[in-house]
C-alpha atoms as a PDB file:
ATOM      1  CA  MET A   1      23.159 -44.202  33.797  1.00  0.00           C
ATOM      2  CA  ALA A   2      20.043 -44.885  31.711  1.00  0.00           C
ATOM      3  CA  LEU A   3      18.045 -42.513  33.898  1.00  0.00           C
ATOM      4  CA  ASN A   4      20.591 -39.743  33.416  1.00  0.00           C
ATOM      5  CA  GLU A   5      20.568 -40.250  29.646  1.00  0.00           C
ATOM      6  CA  GLU A   6      16.773 -40.187  29.629  1.00  0.00           C
ATOM      7  CA  THR A   7      16.742 -36.997  31.678  1.00  0.00           C
ATOM      8  CA  ALA A   8      19.310 -35.367  29.386  1.00  0.00           C
ATOM      9  CA  GLY A   9      17.309 -36.390  26.317  1.00  0.00           C
ATOM     10  CA  ALA A  10      14.134 -34.935  27.773  1.00  0.00           C
ATOM     11  CA  ALA A  11      15.943 -31.675  28.582  1.00  0.00           C
ATOM     12  CA  LYS A  12      17.268 -31.430  25.018  1.00  0.00           C
ATOM     13  CA  SER A  13      13.790 -32.075  23.651  1.00  0.00           C
ATOM     14  CA  LEU A  14      12.307 -29.353  25.865  1.00  0.00           C
ATOM     15  CA  ALA A  15      15.038 -26.928  24.827  1.00  0.00           C
ATOM     16  CA  LYS A  16      14.411 -27.706  21.157  1.00  0.00           C
ATOM     17  CA  ASP A  17      10.662 -27.200  21.585  1.00  0.00           C
ATOM     18  CA  ALA A  18      11.292 -23.879  23.323  1.00  0.00           C
ATOM     19  CA  GLN A  19      13.587 -22.789  20.499  1.00  0.00           C
ATOM     20  CA  ILE A  20      10.978 -23.727  17.882  1.00  0.00           C
ATOM     21  CA  ARG A  21       8.287 -21.794  19.763  1.00  0.00           C
ATOM     22  CA  ARG A  22      10.583 -18.765  19.976  1.00  0.00           C
ATOM     23  CA  LEU A  23      11.394 -18.882  16.247  1.00  0.00           C
ATOM     24  CA  LYS A  24       7.695 -19.192  15.404  1.00  0.00           C
ATOM     25  CA  ALA A  25       6.892 -16.222  17.653  1.00  0.00           C
ATOM     26  CA  GLU A  26       9.627 -14.175  15.973  1.00  0.00           C
ATOM     27  CA  LEU A  27       8.325 -15.071  12.498  1.00  0.00           C
ATOM     28  CA  ASP A  28       4.750 -14.232  13.501  1.00  0.00           C
ATOM     29  CA  ALA A  29       5.920 -10.849  14.797  1.00  0.00           C
ATOM     30  CA  LEU A  30       8.061 -10.102  11.718  1.00  0.00           C
ATOM     31  CA  ARG A  31       5.299 -10.985   9.260  1.00  0.00           C
ATOM     32  CA  ARG A  32       3.376  -7.912  10.436  1.00  0.00           C
ATOM     33  CA  PHE A  33       6.117  -5.731   8.921  1.00  0.00           C
ATOM     34  CA  VAL A  34       6.631  -7.628   5.649  1.00  0.00           C
ATOM     35  CA  PRO A  35       4.375  -7.309   2.553  1.00  0.00           C
ATOM     36  CA  SER A  36       2.535 -10.493   1.571  1.00  0.00           C
ATOM     37  CA  VAL A  37       4.296 -10.675  -1.814  1.00  0.00           C
ATOM     38  CA  VAL A  38       7.669 -10.848  -0.030  1.00  0.00           C
ATOM     39  CA  ARG A  39       6.465 -13.471   2.468  1.00  0.00           C
ATOM     40  CA  GLU A  40       5.158 -15.655  -0.352  1.00  0.00           C
ATOM     41  CA  ALA A  41       8.407 -15.368  -2.329  1.00  0.00           C
ATOM     42  CA  ILE A  42      10.491 -16.318   0.708  1.00  0.00           C
ATOM     43  CA  ALA A  43       8.191 -19.231   1.522  1.00  0.00           C
ATOM     44  CA  GLY A  44       8.614 -20.506  -2.039  1.00  0.00           C
ATOM     45  CA  ASP A  45      12.409 -20.499  -1.821  1.00  0.00           C
ATOM     46  CA  PRO A  46      13.988 -18.951   1.290  1.00  0.00           C
ATOM     47  CA  PHE A  47      17.493 -19.350  -0.182  1.00  0.00           C
ATOM     48  CA  ARG A  48      16.725 -17.580  -3.463  1.00  0.00           C
ATOM     49  CA  PRO A  49      13.383 -15.778  -3.365  1.00  0.00           C
ATOM     50  CA  MET A  50      12.277 -14.352  -6.716  1.00  0.00           C
ATOM     51  CA  LEU A  51      12.567 -10.706  -5.743  1.00  0.00           C
ATOM     52  CA  GLU A  52      15.268  -9.463  -8.127  1.00  0.00           C
ATOM     53  CA  ARG A  53      14.588  -6.078  -9.693  1.00  0.00           C
ATOM     54  CA  GLN A  54      12.814  -6.187 -13.024  1.00  0.00           C
ATOM     55  CA  SER A  55      10.914  -3.883 -15.343  1.00  0.00           C
ATOM     56  CA  ARG A  56       7.232  -4.588 -14.792  1.00  0.00           C
ATOM     57  CA  ASP A  57       4.008  -3.048 -16.048  1.00  0.00           C
ATOM     58  CA  LEU A  58       1.900  -2.157 -13.028  1.00  0.00           C
ATOM     59  CA  SER A  59      -0.421   0.408 -11.514  1.00  0.00           C
ATOM     60  CA  VAL A  60       0.460   2.481  -8.471  1.00  0.00           C
ATOM     61  CA  LEU A  61      -2.079   4.002  -6.094  1.00  0.00           C
ATOM     62  CA  PHE A  62      -1.025   6.629  -3.585  1.00  0.00           C
ATOM     63  CA  MET A  63      -3.432   7.938  -0.968  1.00  0.00           C
ATOM     64  CA  ASP A  64      -3.243  10.064   2.145  1.00  0.00           C
ATOM     65  CA  ILE A  65      -5.665  11.623   4.593  1.00  0.00           C
ATOM     66  CA  ALA A  66      -6.672  15.174   3.737  1.00  0.00           C
ATOM     67  CA  GLY A  67      -5.687  17.790   6.299  1.00  0.00           C
ATOM     68  CA  CYS A  68      -3.832  15.276   8.438  1.00  0.00           C
ATOM     69  CA  THR A  69      -1.271  17.808   9.691  1.00  0.00           C
ATOM     70  CA  ARG A  70      -4.047  19.971  11.102  1.00  0.00           C
ATOM     71  CA  LEU A  71      -5.873  16.975  12.567  1.00  0.00           C
ATOM     72  CA  CYS A  72      -2.685  15.977  14.375  1.00  0.00           C
ATOM     73  CA  GLU A  73      -2.751  19.365  16.097  1.00  0.00           C
ATOM     74  CA  LEU A  74      -6.406  19.048  17.093  1.00  0.00           C
ATOM     75  CA  LEU A  75      -6.451  15.416  18.261  1.00  0.00           C
ATOM     76  CA  THR A  76      -4.376  13.718  20.909  1.00  0.00           C
ATOM     77  CA  PRO A  77      -1.677  11.361  19.537  1.00  0.00           C
ATOM     78  CA  PRO A  78      -3.502   8.231  20.809  1.00  0.00           C
ATOM     79  CA  ARG A  79      -6.765   9.371  19.226  1.00  0.00           C
ATOM     80  CA  MET A  80      -5.050  10.176  15.908  1.00  0.00           C
ATOM     81  CA  GLN A  81      -3.356   6.787  15.855  1.00  0.00           C
ATOM     82  CA  GLU A  82      -6.641   5.065  16.666  1.00  0.00           C
ATOM     83  CA  LEU A  83      -8.364   6.933  13.830  1.00  0.00           C
ATOM     84  CA  ILE A  84      -5.703   6.065  11.224  1.00  0.00           C
ATOM     85  CA  GLU A  85      -5.439   2.431  12.286  1.00  0.00           C
ATOM     86  CA  GLY A  86      -9.202   1.970  12.317  1.00  0.00           C
ATOM     87  CA  TYR A  87      -9.658   3.614   8.935  1.00  0.00           C
ATOM     88  CA  PHE A  88      -6.848   1.728   7.186  1.00  0.00           C
ATOM     89  CA  SER A  89      -8.016  -1.553   8.728  1.00  0.00           C
ATOM     90  CA  SER A  90     -11.489  -0.995   7.313  1.00  0.00           C
ATOM     91  CA  PHE A  91     -10.358  -1.439   3.697  1.00  0.00           C
ATOM     92  CA  ILE A  92      -7.150  -3.503   3.820  1.00  0.00           C
ATOM     93  CA  ASP A  93      -8.884  -6.845   3.148  1.00  0.00           C
ATOM     94  CA  GLU A  94     -10.772  -5.582   0.103  1.00  0.00           C
ATOM     95  CA  VAL A  95      -7.645  -3.950  -1.326  1.00  0.00           C
ATOM     96  CA  HIS A  96      -5.847  -7.275  -0.923  1.00  0.00           C
ATOM     97  CA  GLU A  97      -8.707  -9.128  -2.648  1.00  0.00           C
ATOM     98  CA  LEU A  98      -8.340  -6.724  -5.585  1.00  0.00           C
ATOM     99  CA  GLY A  99      -4.689  -7.735  -5.889  1.00  0.00           C
ATOM    100  CA  GLY A 100      -3.237  -4.714  -4.138  1.00  0.00           C
ATOM    101  CA  VAL A 101       0.086  -5.000  -2.326  1.00  0.00           C
ATOM    102  CA  ILE A 102       0.427  -2.379   0.406  1.00  0.00           C
ATOM    103  CA  ASN A 103       4.023  -1.527  -0.259  1.00  0.00           C
ATOM    104  CA  GLU A 104       4.861   1.454   1.926  1.00  0.00           C
ATOM    105  CA  THR A 105       3.233   3.318   4.777  1.00  0.00           C
ATOM    106  CA  ALA A 106       4.132   6.798   5.919  1.00  0.00           C
ATOM    107  CA  GLY A 107       1.976   8.080   8.741  1.00  0.00           C
ATOM    108  CA  ASP A 108      -1.337   8.868   7.088  1.00  0.00           C
ATOM    109  CA  GLY A 109      -0.334   7.692   3.591  1.00  0.00           C
ATOM    110  CA  LEU A 110      -0.130   4.429   1.686  1.00  0.00           C
ATOM    111  CA  MET A 111       1.549   3.292  -1.533  1.00  0.00           C
ATOM    112  CA  ILE A 112      -0.290   0.330  -3.047  1.00  0.00           C
ATOM    113  CA  LEU A 113       0.951  -1.708  -6.022  1.00  0.00           C
ATOM    114  CA  PHE A 114      -1.318  -3.595  -8.427  1.00  0.00           C
ATOM    115  CA  LEU A 115       0.457  -6.295 -10.412  1.00  0.00           C
ATOM    116  CA  ASP A 116      -2.095  -8.990 -11.237  1.00  0.00           C
ATOM    117  CA  GLY A 117      -3.437  -9.501 -14.738  1.00  0.00           C
ATOM    118  CA  GLY A 118      -2.805  -7.436 -17.842  1.00  0.00           C
ATOM    119  CA  PRO A 119      -2.482  -3.646 -18.137  1.00  0.00           C
ATOM    120  CA  ARG A 120      -6.221  -2.990 -18.130  1.00  0.00           C
ATOM    121  CA  GLU A 121      -6.923  -5.439 -15.320  1.00  0.00           C
ATOM    122  CA  HIS A 122      -4.518  -4.035 -12.758  1.00  0.00           C
ATOM    123  CA  ALA A 123      -5.368  -0.432 -13.676  1.00  0.00           C
ATOM    124  CA  ARG A 124      -9.039  -1.214 -13.214  1.00  0.00           C
ATOM    125  CA  ALA A 125      -8.302  -2.892  -9.867  1.00  0.00           C
ATOM    126  CA  ALA A 126      -6.455   0.217  -8.683  1.00  0.00           C
ATOM    127  CA  VAL A 127      -9.438   2.429  -9.512  1.00  0.00           C
ATOM    128  CA  ARG A 128     -11.830   0.068  -7.759  1.00  0.00           C
ATOM    129  CA  ALA A 129      -9.546   0.060  -4.708  1.00  0.00           C
ATOM    130  CA  ALA A 130      -9.588   3.866  -4.672  1.00  0.00           C
ATOM    131  CA  SER A 131     -13.390   3.705  -4.666  1.00  0.00           C
ATOM    132  CA  VAL A 132     -13.343   1.392  -1.651  1.00  0.00           C
ATOM    133  CA  ILE A 133     -10.873   3.638   0.186  1.00  0.00           C
ATOM    134  CA  HIS A 134     -12.970   6.761  -0.436  1.00  0.00           C
ATOM    135  CA  GLY A 135     -16.149   4.939   0.551  1.00  0.00           C
ATOM    136  CA  ARG A 136     -14.833   3.923   3.954  1.00  0.00           C
ATOM    137  CA  THR A 137     -14.383   7.547   5.017  1.00  0.00           C
ATOM    138  CA  GLU A 138     -18.146   7.729   5.575  1.00  0.00           C
ATOM    139  CA  ASN A 139     -17.702   5.617   8.704  1.00  0.00           C
ATOM    140  CA  PHE A 140     -15.005   7.783  10.283  1.00  0.00           C
ATOM    141  CA  ALA A 141     -14.869  11.309  11.658  1.00  0.00           C
ATOM    142  CA  ALA A 142     -12.330  13.296  13.621  1.00  0.00           C
ATOM    143  CA  CYS A 143     -13.895  14.996  16.647  1.00  0.00           C
ATOM    144  CA  TRP A 144     -12.441  17.477  19.122  1.00  0.00           C
ATOM    145  CA  GLY A 145     -14.498  19.260  21.719  1.00  0.00           C
ATOM    146  CA  GLU A 146     -17.933  19.781  20.193  1.00  0.00           C
ATOM    147  CA  GLU A 147     -16.655  19.878  16.607  1.00  0.00           C
ATOM    148  CA  CYS A 148     -16.350  17.013  14.144  1.00  0.00           C
ATOM    149  CA  GLN A 149     -14.888  16.741  10.660  1.00  0.00           C
ATOM    150  CA  GLU A 150     -15.594  13.937   8.235  1.00  0.00           C
ATOM    151  CA  LEU A 151     -12.548  12.076   7.068  1.00  0.00           C
ATOM    152  CA  ALA A 152     -11.480  12.499   3.427  1.00  0.00           C
ATOM    153  CA  VAL A 153      -8.530  11.339   1.356  1.00  0.00           C
ATOM    154  CA  HIS A 154      -6.565  12.380  -1.724  1.00  0.00           C
ATOM    155  CA  ALA A 155      -5.754   9.617  -4.226  1.00  0.00           C
ATOM    156  CA  GLY A 156      -3.459   9.473  -7.254  1.00  0.00           C
ATOM    157  CA  ILE A 157      -3.020   6.612  -9.729  1.00  0.00           C
ATOM    158  CA  ASN A 158      -0.566   6.010 -12.539  1.00  0.00           C
ATOM    159  CA  SER A 159       0.158   2.982 -14.727  1.00  0.00           C
ATOM    160  CA  GLY A 160       3.079   1.825 -16.828  1.00  0.00           C
ATOM    161  CA  ALA A 161       6.507   0.242 -16.645  1.00  0.00           C
ATOM    162  CA  ALA A 162       8.384   0.610 -13.368  1.00  0.00           C
ATOM    163  CA  SER A 163      11.426  -0.935 -11.728  1.00  0.00           C
ATOM    164  CA  LEU A 164      10.058  -3.505  -9.286  1.00  0.00           C
ATOM    165  CA  GLY A 165      12.041  -5.474  -6.725  1.00  0.00           C
ATOM    166  CA  VAL A 166      14.252  -5.243  -3.676  1.00  0.00           C
ATOM    167  CA  MET A 167      16.081  -2.032  -2.790  1.00  0.00           C
ATOM    168  CA  GLU A 168      18.809  -2.439  -0.169  1.00  0.00           C
ATOM    169  CA  PHE A 169      20.652  -0.017   2.062  1.00  0.00           C
ATOM    170  CA  ARG A 170      23.854  -1.508   3.481  1.00  0.00           C
ATOM    171  CA  GLY A 171      25.667  -0.143   6.489  1.00  0.00           C
ATOM    172  CA  ARG A 172      28.409  -1.554   8.698  1.00  0.00           C
ATOM    173  CA  ARG A 173      25.962  -2.700  11.361  1.00  0.00           C
ATOM    174  CA  GLU A 174      22.739  -3.321   9.472  1.00  0.00           C
ATOM    175  CA  VAL A 175      21.226  -4.125   6.094  1.00  0.00           C
ATOM    176  CA  ARG A 176      17.737  -2.812   5.411  1.00  0.00           C
ATOM    177  CA  ALA A 177      15.746  -3.958   2.409  1.00  0.00           C
ATOM    178  CA  THR A 178      12.386  -2.957   0.999  1.00  0.00           C
ATOM    179  CA  TYR A 179      10.345  -4.372  -1.874  1.00  0.00           C
ATOM    180  CA  THR A 180       9.102  -1.464  -3.927  1.00  0.00           C
ATOM    181  CA  ALA A 181       8.442   0.073  -7.332  1.00  0.00           C
ATOM    182  CA  SER A 182      10.488   3.057  -8.420  1.00  0.00           C
ATOM    183  CA  GLY A 183      10.703   5.343 -11.399  1.00  0.00           C
ATOM    184  CA  PRO A 184       8.550   8.008 -13.081  1.00  0.00           C
ATOM    185  CA  VAL A 185       5.338   5.945 -12.879  1.00  0.00           C
ATOM    186  CA  ALA A 186       5.464   5.834  -9.082  1.00  0.00           C
ATOM    187  CA  ASN A 187       6.686   9.433  -8.799  1.00  0.00           C
ATOM    188  CA  VAL A 188       3.796  10.806 -10.853  1.00  0.00           C
ATOM    189  CA  ALA A 189       1.226   8.819  -8.845  1.00  0.00           C
ATOM    190  CA  ALA A 190       2.617  10.328  -5.640  1.00  0.00           C
ATOM    191  CA  ARG A 191       2.520  13.858  -7.081  1.00  0.00           C
ATOM    192  CA  LEU A 192      -1.089  13.408  -8.226  1.00  0.00           C
ATOM    193  CA  ALA A 193      -2.156  12.283  -4.769  1.00  0.00           C
ATOM    194  CA  ALA A 194      -0.517  15.402  -3.338  1.00  0.00           C
ATOM    195  CA  ILE A 195      -2.528  17.791  -5.531  1.00  0.00           C
ATOM    196  CA  ALA A 196      -5.853  15.922  -5.844  1.00  0.00           C
ATOM    197  CA  PRO A 197      -8.765  17.616  -4.038  1.00  0.00           C
ATOM    198  CA  ARG A 198     -10.405  16.059  -0.986  1.00  0.00           C
ATOM    199  CA  GLY A 199     -12.373  12.949  -1.847  1.00  0.00           C
ATOM    200  CA  LYS A 200     -11.090  12.785  -5.453  1.00  0.00           C
ATOM    201  CA  THR A 201      -9.041  10.300  -7.455  1.00  0.00           C
ATOM    202  CA  TRP A 202      -6.753  11.861 -10.043  1.00  0.00           C
ATOM    203  CA  ALA A 203      -4.929   9.753 -12.589  1.00  0.00           C
ATOM    204  CA  ALA A 204      -2.437  10.268 -15.383  1.00  0.00           C
ATOM    205  CA  LYS A 205      -3.460   9.728 -18.990  1.00  0.00           C
ATOM    206  CA  GLU A 206      -2.194   6.145 -19.221  1.00  0.00           C
ATOM    207  CA  THR A 207      -4.443   4.940 -16.405  1.00  0.00           C
ATOM    208  CA  TRP A 208      -7.373   6.866 -17.859  1.00  0.00           C
ATOM    209  CA  GLN A 209      -6.871   5.240 -21.268  1.00  0.00           C
ATOM    210  CA  ARG A 210      -6.859   1.796 -19.697  1.00  0.00           C
ATOM    211  CA  THR A 211      -9.999   2.329 -17.622  1.00  0.00           C
ATOM    212  CA  LYS A 212     -12.189   4.835 -19.507  1.00  0.00           C
ATOM    213  CA  ARG A 213     -14.395   2.027 -20.871  1.00  0.00           C
ATOM    214  CA  PHE A 214     -15.328   1.020 -17.341  1.00  0.00           C
ATOM    215  CA  PHE A 215     -15.621   4.176 -15.233  1.00  0.00           C
ATOM    216  CA  GLY A 216     -16.811   7.724 -15.505  1.00  0.00           C
ATOM    217  CA  SER A 217     -14.095  10.361 -15.851  1.00  0.00           C
ATOM    218  CA  ALA A 218     -13.418  14.007 -16.584  1.00  0.00           C
ATOM    219  CA  TYR A 219     -10.407  15.791 -18.030  1.00  0.00           C
ATOM    220  CA  VAL A 220      -8.848  18.075 -15.410  1.00  0.00           C
ATOM    221  CA  GLY A 221      -5.986  19.664 -17.338  1.00  0.00           C
ATOM    222  CA  ARG A 222      -2.225  19.618 -17.869  1.00  0.00           C
ATOM    223  CA  PHE A 223      -0.128  20.056 -14.758  1.00  0.00           C
ATOM    224  CA  GLU A 224       3.530  20.739 -14.169  1.00  0.00           C
ATOM    225  CA  LEU A 225       4.421  18.415 -11.322  1.00  0.00           C
ATOM    226  CA  LYS A 226       7.377  18.816  -8.997  1.00  0.00           C
ATOM    227  CA  ASN A 227      10.527  17.179 -10.406  1.00  0.00           C
ATOM    228  CA  VAL A 228       8.621  15.800 -13.430  1.00  0.00           C
ATOM    229  CA  GLY A 229      10.134  16.943 -16.722  1.00  0.00           C
ATOM    230  CA  GLN A 230       7.007  17.268 -18.881  1.00  0.00           C
ATOM    231  CA  PRO A 231       3.486  18.486 -18.050  1.00  0.00           C
ATOM    232  CA  VAL A 232       1.137  15.619 -17.203  1.00  0.00           C
ATOM    233  CA  GLU A 233      -2.412  15.256 -18.526  1.00  0.00           C
ATOM    234  CA  VAL A 234      -4.645  14.604 -15.544  1.00  0.00           C
ATOM    235  CA  TYR A 235      -8.093  13.035 -15.361  1.00  0.00           C
ATOM    236  CA  GLU A 236     -10.524  12.727 -12.490  1.00  0.00           C
ATOM    237  CA  LEU A 237     -11.724   9.150 -12.249  1.00  0.00           C
ATOM    238  CA  ARG A 238     -15.181   8.561 -10.847  1.00  0.00           C
ATOM    239  CA  PRO A 239     -15.193   4.957  -9.688  1.00  0.00           C
ATOM    240  CA  ASP A 240     -18.477   5.457  -7.858  1.00  0.00           C
ATOM    241  CA  SER A 241     -20.239   5.736 -11.231  1.00  0.00           C
ATOM    242  CA  PRO A 242     -21.820   2.546 -12.604  1.00  0.00           C
ATOM    243  CA  GLU A 243     -19.175   0.180 -13.960  1.00  0.00           C
ATOM    244  CA  VAL A 244     -19.694  -0.667 -17.605  1.00  0.00           C
ATOM    245  CA  ASP A 245     -19.653  -4.347 -18.582  1.00  0.00           C
ATOM    246  CA  ALA A 246     -17.228  -4.095 -21.485  1.00  0.00           C
END
């Protein structure tokens, strides 16, 4: 009898260990798809993570690879994926160190949120991140046959109050949630990235005002952006110029 109980206890212990290993493997796999800010909030309180929507002053950086549609036609799908993954991986750590939260990915594009510090601090961090992202293109080129093209990106930045928090889509079979910023601030940043020239960072006036003491810049003009009610004053930020100690 004692032997049977011991055997049963050992079997239960093995089953429990196997279940723990499986849960850990599932969590390790899921963490690859969840932004760090969400993981940290859930770790702090998994029953009530602090992710409710709130109005928050932040800076939003959008970037995408210039001419990506054409590159997808010229390169094989595995080579294009390898190029994008290698390029994005080359700057992700530095963006994180600057306080950037990679919020959304869409093929060759990224939306990065900067929340840390005051208005000037997170705007400045976004510009510095754009500089890092542009700089990494020097190490990557798309080649097909005997031709090669250096990689380049478009970048757009905007700062101000946005709605930050969880957005949910509920269906009968599934609930999908994403942690994101929404509103005009994010929309304008995305539009600026879409129209910025290759290798340039364009920003709206608010970001320029917050960072002009630290980086070189130039006024580009007033632009009517798609689905934006009023023309937007646009500035080219030159984060590769010497940063002023202000």
